[in-house]
Amino acid sequence: MLYKISSNKSLLLIVIVLFVYILAQRQCGSRNIAVPEKPQITIVKDTVYQVKIDTFYLQTTKYNTVFVPKINNDDDVMASVRTEQEISQAEKHLYEEARTYTDTLYNEDIEIYSYSLLKGELLKNNLSYKLKVPREIRTTTTIEHASKYKSGLYGFGEVGGNQNQFNNISLGLQYNRRGKWFVSYRMNFNQLSNVTHNIGIGIRIY
């Protein structure tokens, strides 16, 4: 009986030492917890200039018939262009036929829009373009840092048994040191008159 009491005191002393050590480590860990670094983002920009010569041909066979005033102001010739539906019968004698030629030319670098108005001679010619170069290539590279584990104290419980009886009940504590190693303490109540105490230690293997 004396041996049993002495054994229980020894286990109790071990448990107390274990808890003091866990609390001390937790206190130190809370002071030295490193703030996780944010992923480093590197942006690389590269501008590529493409220099080359290309030939575009304007189409001169398809046209639309429009009407312009017989007497017109060159500065206002575009505003005075009418379709046949836009001219009343009473003012038709003030207009004469003209032709408009439109075209859109494009390749992977440029788009060209042309507009020409002819009435025997060239009355108006517009040329506009949309440039697609230089071309900017943007590449984003994200460097992810490895996950950092924090220390923690965990409580756990277990229940179990066999096909004859279901009487294995355990309560315990586990202290995990930043995912590297852990220590644990567990009390097993499979027999209330004979409680067993278990202490474990482990390391991370993967």
C-alpha atoms as a PDB file:
ATOM      1  CA  MET A   1       0.000   0.000   0.000  1.00  0.00           C
ATOM      2  CA  LEU A   2       2.870   2.361   0.866  1.00  0.00           C
ATOM      3  CA  TYR A   3       4.534   1.560  -2.459  1.00  0.00           C
ATOM      4  CA  LYS A   4       1.329   2.393  -4.331  1.00  0.00           C
ATOM      5  CA  ILE A   5       1.000   5.799  -2.577  1.00  0.00           C
ATOM      6  CA  SER A   6       4.639   6.573  -3.294  1.00  0.00           C
ATOM      7  CA  SER A   7       4.150   5.632  -6.940  1.00  0.00           C
ATOM      8  CA  ASN A   8       1.124   7.938  -7.247  1.00  0.00           C
ATOM      9  CA  LYS A   9       3.105  10.809  -5.702  1.00  0.00           C
ATOM     10  CA  SER A  10       5.900  10.254  -8.219  1.00  0.00           C
ATOM     11  CA  LEU A  11       3.435  10.323 -11.131  1.00  0.00           C
ATOM     12  CA  LEU A  12       1.795  13.444  -9.711  1.00  0.00           C
ATOM     13  CA  LEU A  13       5.206  15.106  -9.447  1.00  0.00           C
ATOM     14  CA  ILE A  14       5.980  14.194 -13.075  1.00  0.00           C
ATOM     15  CA  VAL A  15       2.630  15.649 -14.199  1.00  0.00           C
ATOM     16  CA  ILE A  16       3.280  18.896 -12.299  1.00  0.00           C
ATOM     17  CA  VAL A  17       6.767  19.233 -13.818  1.00  0.00           C
ATOM     18  CA  LEU A  18       5.334  18.565 -17.272  1.00  0.00           C
ATOM     19  CA  PHE A  19       2.681  21.264 -16.886  1.00  0.00           C
ATOM     20  CA  VAL A  20       5.212  23.807 -15.599  1.00  0.00           C
ATOM     21  CA  TYR A  21       7.454  23.083 -18.580  1.00  0.00           C
ATOM     22  CA  ILE A  22       4.527  23.424 -21.039  1.00  0.00           C
ATOM     23  CA  LEU A  23       3.466  26.755 -19.547  1.00  0.00           C
ATOM     24  CA  ALA A  24       7.039  28.072 -19.675  1.00  0.00           C
ATOM     25  CA  GLN A  25       7.450  27.020 -23.309  1.00  0.00           C
ATOM     26  CA  ARG A  26       4.093  28.539 -24.221  1.00  0.00           C
ATOM     27  CA  GLN A  27       5.087  31.826 -22.562  1.00  0.00           C
ATOM     28  CA  CYS A  28       8.361  31.951 -24.504  1.00  0.00           C
ATOM     29  CA  GLY A  29       6.641  30.923 -27.721  1.00  0.00           C
ATOM     30  CA  SER A  30       4.058  33.712 -27.447  1.00  0.00           C
ATOM     31  CA  ARG A  31       6.895  36.236 -27.282  1.00  0.00           C
ATOM     32  CA  ASN A  32       8.887  34.796 -30.146  1.00  0.00           C
ATOM     33  CA  ILE A  33       6.101  33.991 -32.594  1.00  0.00           C
ATOM     34  CA  ALA A  34       7.329  35.200 -35.945  1.00  0.00           C
ATOM     35  CA  VAL A  35       4.852  37.075 -38.075  1.00  0.00           C
ATOM     36  CA  PRO A  36       4.299  34.965 -41.218  1.00  0.00           C
ATOM     37  CA  GLU A  37       5.895  36.592 -44.190  1.00  0.00           C
ATOM     38  CA  LYS A  38       3.647  37.600 -47.031  1.00  0.00           C
ATOM     39  CA  PRO A  39       4.253  35.862 -50.354  1.00  0.00           C
ATOM     40  CA  GLN A  40       6.780  37.786 -52.406  1.00  0.00           C
ATOM     41  CA  ILE A  41       5.319  38.942 -55.714  1.00  0.00           C
ATOM     42  CA  THR A  42       7.678  39.782 -58.538  1.00  0.00           C
ATOM     43  CA  ILE A  43       6.258  41.548 -61.603  1.00  0.00           C
ATOM     44  CA  VAL A  44       8.311  41.407 -64.772  1.00  0.00           C
ATOM     45  CA  LYS A  45       7.390  43.688 -67.686  1.00  0.00           C
ATOM     46  CA  ASP A  46       8.804  43.253 -71.145  1.00  0.00           C
ATOM     47  CA  THR A  47       7.975  45.534 -74.063  1.00  0.00           C
ATOM     48  CA  VAL A  48       8.560  44.074 -77.490  1.00  0.00           C
ATOM     49  CA  TYR A  49       8.839  46.386 -80.499  1.00  0.00           C
ATOM     50  CA  GLN A  50       8.099  44.837 -83.858  1.00  0.00           C
ATOM     51  CA  VAL A  51       9.557  46.734 -86.792  1.00  0.00           C
ATOM     52  CA  LYS A  52       8.419  45.597 -90.221  1.00  0.00           C
ATOM     53  CA  ILE A  53       6.985  46.912 -93.482  1.00  0.00           C
ATOM     54  CA  ASP A  54       3.615  45.833 -94.841  1.00  0.00           C
ATOM     55  CA  THR A  55       1.555  46.837 -97.889  1.00  0.00           C
ATOM     56  CA  PHE A  56      -2.173  47.598 -97.769  1.00  0.00           C
ATOM     57  CA  TYR A  57      -4.453  47.884-100.795  1.00  0.00           C
ATOM     58  CA  LEU A  58      -7.564  50.056-100.657  1.00  0.00           C
ATOM     59  CA  GLN A  59     -10.554  48.690-102.475  1.00  0.00           C
ATOM     60  CA  THR A  60     -11.776  51.004-105.293  1.00  0.00           C
ATOM     61  CA  THR A  61     -14.571  48.971-106.862  1.00  0.00           C
ATOM     62  CA  LYS A  62     -17.354  48.941-104.260  1.00  0.00           C
ATOM     63  CA  TYR A  63     -19.004  52.227-103.422  1.00  0.00           C
ATOM     64  CA  ASN A  64     -22.188  53.793-102.081  1.00  0.00           C
ATOM     65  CA  THR A  65     -24.124  56.431-103.972  1.00  0.00           C
ATOM     66  CA  VAL A  66     -24.742  59.647-102.043  1.00  0.00           C
ATOM     67  CA  PHE A  67     -25.728  63.204-102.917  1.00  0.00           C
ATOM     68  CA  VAL A  68     -23.869  66.445-102.301  1.00  0.00           C
ATOM     69  CA  PRO A  69     -24.906  70.051-103.022  1.00  0.00           C
ATOM     70  CA  LYS A  70     -24.005  71.312-106.507  1.00  0.00           C
ATOM     71  CA  ILE A  71     -22.540  74.355-104.813  1.00  0.00           C
ATOM     72  CA  ASN A  72     -20.806  73.418-101.592  1.00  0.00           C
ATOM     73  CA  ASN A  73     -18.363  74.781 -99.098  1.00  0.00           C
ATOM     74  CA  ASP A  74     -15.272  72.546 -98.933  1.00  0.00           C
ATOM     75  CA  ASP A  75     -15.069  73.029 -95.174  1.00  0.00           C
ATOM     76  CA  ASP A  76     -18.559  71.663 -94.713  1.00  0.00           C
ATOM     77  CA  VAL A  77     -18.679  68.981 -97.392  1.00  0.00           C
ATOM     78  CA  MET A  78     -18.995  66.062 -94.952  1.00  0.00           C
ATOM     79  CA  ALA A  79     -21.966  67.634 -93.178  1.00  0.00           C
ATOM     80  CA  SER A  80     -23.764  68.195 -96.478  1.00  0.00           C
ATOM     81  CA  VAL A  81     -23.614  64.586 -97.713  1.00  0.00           C
ATOM     82  CA  ARG A  82     -27.099  63.078 -97.999  1.00  0.00           C
ATOM     83  CA  THR A  83     -28.646  59.773 -99.001  1.00  0.00           C
ATOM     84  CA  GLU A  84     -31.470  59.709-101.518  1.00  0.00           C
ATOM     85  CA  GLN A  85     -34.037  59.178 -98.761  1.00  0.00           C
ATOM     86  CA  GLU A  86     -32.848  62.296 -96.941  1.00  0.00           C
ATOM     87  CA  ILE A  87     -33.552  64.653 -99.898  1.00  0.00           C
ATOM     88  CA  SER A  88     -37.051  65.951-100.526  1.00  0.00           C
ATOM     89  CA  GLN A  89     -38.428  66.166-104.036  1.00  0.00           C
ATOM     90  CA  ALA A  90     -38.486  69.958-103.864  1.00  0.00           C
ATOM     91  CA  GLU A  91     -34.737  70.268-103.202  1.00  0.00           C
ATOM     92  CA  LYS A  92     -33.535  67.381-105.316  1.00  0.00           C
ATOM     93  CA  HIS A  93     -32.435  69.763-108.109  1.00  0.00           C
ATOM     94  CA  LEU A  94     -29.905  71.324-105.694  1.00  0.00           C
ATOM     95  CA  TYR A  95     -27.969  68.025-105.293  1.00  0.00           C
ATOM     96  CA  GLU A  96     -25.939  65.787-107.554  1.00  0.00           C
ATOM     97  CA  GLU A  97     -24.594  62.266-107.237  1.00  0.00           C
ATOM     98  CA  ALA A  98     -21.301  61.389-105.599  1.00  0.00           C
ATOM     99  CA  ARG A  99     -19.626  58.192-104.456  1.00  0.00           C
ATOM    100  CA  THR A 100     -18.187  57.128-101.127  1.00  0.00           C
ATOM    101  CA  TYR A 101     -15.529  54.439-100.829  1.00  0.00           C
ATOM    102  CA  THR A 102     -14.878  52.928 -97.414  1.00  0.00           C
ATOM    103  CA  ASP A 103     -12.479  50.236 -96.379  1.00  0.00           C
ATOM    104  CA  THR A 104     -10.999  48.658 -93.236  1.00  0.00           C
ATOM    105  CA  LEU A 105      -7.530  47.168 -93.468  1.00  0.00           C
ATOM    106  CA  TYR A 106      -5.865  45.334 -90.644  1.00  0.00           C
ATOM    107  CA  ASN A 107      -3.207  42.897 -89.587  1.00  0.00           C
ATOM    108  CA  GLU A 108      -1.934  41.830 -86.170  1.00  0.00           C
ATOM    109  CA  ASP A 109      -0.188  45.176 -85.626  1.00  0.00           C
ATOM    110  CA  ILE A 110      -2.480  47.898 -87.007  1.00  0.00           C
ATOM    111  CA  GLU A 111      -6.007  48.690 -88.218  1.00  0.00           C
ATOM    112  CA  ILE A 112      -6.576  51.329 -90.930  1.00  0.00           C
ATOM    113  CA  TYR A 113      -9.937  52.967 -91.712  1.00  0.00           C
ATOM    114  CA  SER A 114     -10.348  54.883 -94.974  1.00  0.00           C
ATOM    115  CA  TYR A 115     -13.152  57.097 -96.297  1.00  0.00           C
ATOM    116  CA  SER A 116     -13.145  58.804 -99.702  1.00  0.00           C
ATOM    117  CA  LEU A 117     -15.800  61.043-101.263  1.00  0.00           C
ATOM    118  CA  LEU A 118     -15.644  61.522-105.051  1.00  0.00           C
ATOM    119  CA  LYS A 119     -17.678  63.618-107.467  1.00  0.00           C
ATOM    120  CA  GLY A 120     -15.585  63.425-110.586  1.00  0.00           C
ATOM    121  CA  GLU A 121     -12.758  64.584-108.369  1.00  0.00           C
ATOM    122  CA  LEU A 122     -11.757  63.795-104.823  1.00  0.00           C
ATOM    123  CA  LEU A 123     -13.788  65.992-102.477  1.00  0.00           C
ATOM    124  CA  LYS A 124     -12.793  64.467 -99.191  1.00  0.00           C
ATOM    125  CA  ASN A 125     -10.420  61.780 -97.977  1.00  0.00           C
ATOM    126  CA  ASN A 126     -10.071  60.585 -94.358  1.00  0.00           C
ATOM    127  CA  LEU A 127      -7.555  58.073 -93.097  1.00  0.00           C
ATOM    128  CA  SER A 128      -7.381  56.885 -89.478  1.00  0.00           C
ATOM    129  CA  TYR A 129      -5.624  54.029 -87.777  1.00  0.00           C
ATOM    130  CA  LYS A 130      -5.436  52.075 -84.546  1.00  0.00           C
ATOM    131  CA  LEU A 131      -1.923  51.000 -83.579  1.00  0.00           C
ATOM    132  CA  LYS A 132      -1.524  47.716 -81.720  1.00  0.00           C
ATOM    133  CA  VAL A 133       2.207  47.957 -81.016  1.00  0.00           C
ATOM    134  CA  PRO A 134       4.343  48.213 -78.980  1.00  0.00           C
ATOM    135  CA  ARG A 135       3.022  45.126 -77.312  1.00  0.00           C
ATOM    136  CA  GLU A 136       3.488  44.763 -73.567  1.00  0.00           C
ATOM    137  CA  ILE A 137       3.890  41.290 -72.138  1.00  0.00           C
ATOM    138  CA  ARG A 138       3.262  41.129 -68.404  1.00  0.00           C
ATOM    139  CA  THR A 139       4.379  38.130 -66.398  1.00  0.00           C
ATOM    140  CA  THR A 140       3.555  37.786 -62.686  1.00  0.00           C
ATOM    141  CA  THR A 141       5.488  35.307 -60.563  1.00  0.00           C
ATOM    142  CA  THR A 142       4.340  34.480 -57.015  1.00  0.00           C
ATOM    143  CA  ILE A 143       6.794  32.863 -54.589  1.00  0.00           C
ATOM    144  CA  GLU A 144       4.964  31.098 -51.763  1.00  0.00           C
ATOM    145  CA  HIS A 145       6.724  30.588 -48.440  1.00  0.00           C
ATOM    146  CA  ALA A 146       6.438  27.318 -46.550  1.00  0.00           C
ATOM    147  CA  SER A 147       3.746  27.141 -43.863  1.00  0.00           C
ATOM    148  CA  LYS A 148       4.897  27.985 -40.340  1.00  0.00           C
ATOM    149  CA  TYR A 149       3.493  26.004 -37.436  1.00  0.00           C
ATOM    150  CA  LYS A 150       2.667  27.567 -34.071  1.00  0.00           C
ATOM    151  CA  SER A 151       3.018  25.895 -30.708  1.00  0.00           C
ATOM    152  CA  GLY A 152      -0.236  24.852 -29.018  1.00  0.00           C
ATOM    153  CA  LEU A 153      -1.718  23.051 -26.037  1.00  0.00           C
ATOM    154  CA  TYR A 154      -4.536  20.605 -26.822  1.00  0.00           C
ATOM    155  CA  GLY A 155      -6.981  18.651 -24.705  1.00  0.00           C
ATOM    156  CA  PHE A 156      -8.370  15.319 -25.917  1.00  0.00           C
ATOM    157  CA  GLY A 157     -10.520  12.406 -24.842  1.00  0.00           C
ATOM    158  CA  GLU A 158     -10.802   8.750 -25.879  1.00  0.00           C
ATOM    159  CA  VAL A 159     -13.435   6.084 -25.511  1.00  0.00           C
ATOM    160  CA  GLY A 160     -13.101   2.447 -26.507  1.00  0.00           C
ATOM    161  CA  GLY A 161     -13.444  -1.157 -25.534  1.00  0.00           C
ATOM    162  CA  ASN A 162     -13.843  -4.622 -27.031  1.00  0.00           C
ATOM    163  CA  GLN A 163     -16.698  -6.876 -28.127  1.00  0.00           C
ATOM    164  CA  ASN A 164     -17.500  -7.805 -24.546  1.00  0.00           C
ATOM    165  CA  GLN A 165     -17.488  -4.457 -22.813  1.00  0.00           C
ATOM    166  CA  PHE A 166     -17.129  -0.753 -23.570  1.00  0.00           C
ATOM    167  CA  ASN A 167     -15.347   0.626 -20.535  1.00  0.00           C
ATOM    168  CA  ASN A 168     -12.144   2.298 -21.716  1.00  0.00           C
ATOM    169  CA  ILE A 169     -12.309   6.067 -21.091  1.00  0.00           C
ATOM    170  CA  SER A 170      -9.306   8.398 -21.241  1.00  0.00           C
ATOM    171  CA  LEU A 171      -8.656  12.112 -20.811  1.00  0.00           C
ATOM    172  CA  GLY A 172      -5.423  13.852 -21.710  1.00  0.00           C
ATOM    173  CA  LEU A 173      -3.394  16.895 -22.669  1.00  0.00           C
ATOM    174  CA  GLN A 174      -0.933  17.336 -25.502  1.00  0.00           C
ATOM    175  CA  TYR A 175       1.583  20.098 -26.105  1.00  0.00           C
ATOM    176  CA  ASN A 176       2.730  20.490 -29.730  1.00  0.00           C
ATOM    177  CA  ARG A 177       5.958  22.449 -30.302  1.00  0.00           C
ATOM    178  CA  ARG A 178       5.506  24.204 -33.688  1.00  0.00           C
ATOM    179  CA  GLY A 179       4.737  20.982 -35.494  1.00  0.00           C
ATOM    180  CA  LYS A 180       8.187  19.507 -34.758  1.00  0.00           C
ATOM    181  CA  TRP A 181       7.634  17.452 -31.605  1.00  0.00           C
ATOM    182  CA  PHE A 182       5.021  16.928 -28.878  1.00  0.00           C
ATOM    183  CA  VAL A 183       4.581  15.627 -25.340  1.00  0.00           C
ATOM    184  CA  SER A 184       1.339  14.218 -23.959  1.00  0.00           C
ATOM    185  CA  TYR A 185      -0.212  13.091 -20.708  1.00  0.00           C
ATOM    186  CA  ARG A 186      -3.241  10.752 -20.533  1.00  0.00           C
ATOM    187  CA  MET A 187      -5.321   9.262 -17.668  1.00  0.00           C
ATOM    188  CA  ASN A 188      -7.063   5.970 -18.403  1.00  0.00           C
ATOM    189  CA  PHE A 189     -10.297   5.233 -16.501  1.00  0.00           C
ATOM    190  CA  ASN A 190     -10.928   1.681 -17.702  1.00  0.00           C
ATOM    191  CA  GLN A 191     -11.175   0.740 -14.019  1.00  0.00           C
ATOM    192  CA  LEU A 192     -12.168   3.509 -11.632  1.00  0.00           C
ATOM    193  CA  SER A 193     -10.413   1.761  -8.786  1.00  0.00           C
ATOM    194  CA  ASN A 194      -7.189   1.510 -10.767  1.00  0.00           C
ATOM    195  CA  VAL A 195      -6.599   4.684 -12.814  1.00  0.00           C
ATOM    196  CA  THR A 196      -3.498   4.519 -15.018  1.00  0.00           C
ATOM    197  CA  HIS A 197      -1.323   7.402 -16.106  1.00  0.00           C
ATOM    198  CA  ASN A 198       0.490   7.615 -19.454  1.00  0.00           C
ATOM    199  CA  ILE A 199       3.131  10.053 -20.674  1.00  0.00           C
ATOM    200  CA  GLY A 200       4.141  10.160 -24.345  1.00  0.00           C
ATOM    201  CA  ILE A 201       6.517  12.018 -26.588  1.00  0.00           C
ATOM    202  CA  GLY A 202       6.766  12.117 -30.374  1.00  0.00           C
ATOM    203  CA  ILE A 203       8.409  13.895 -33.315  1.00  0.00           C
ATOM    204  CA  ARG A 204       7.202  14.873 -36.738  1.00  0.00           C
ATOM    205  CA  ILE A 205       8.467  12.385 -39.353  1.00  0.00           C
ATOM    206  CA  TYR A 206       6.880  13.918 -42.480  1.00  0.00           C
END
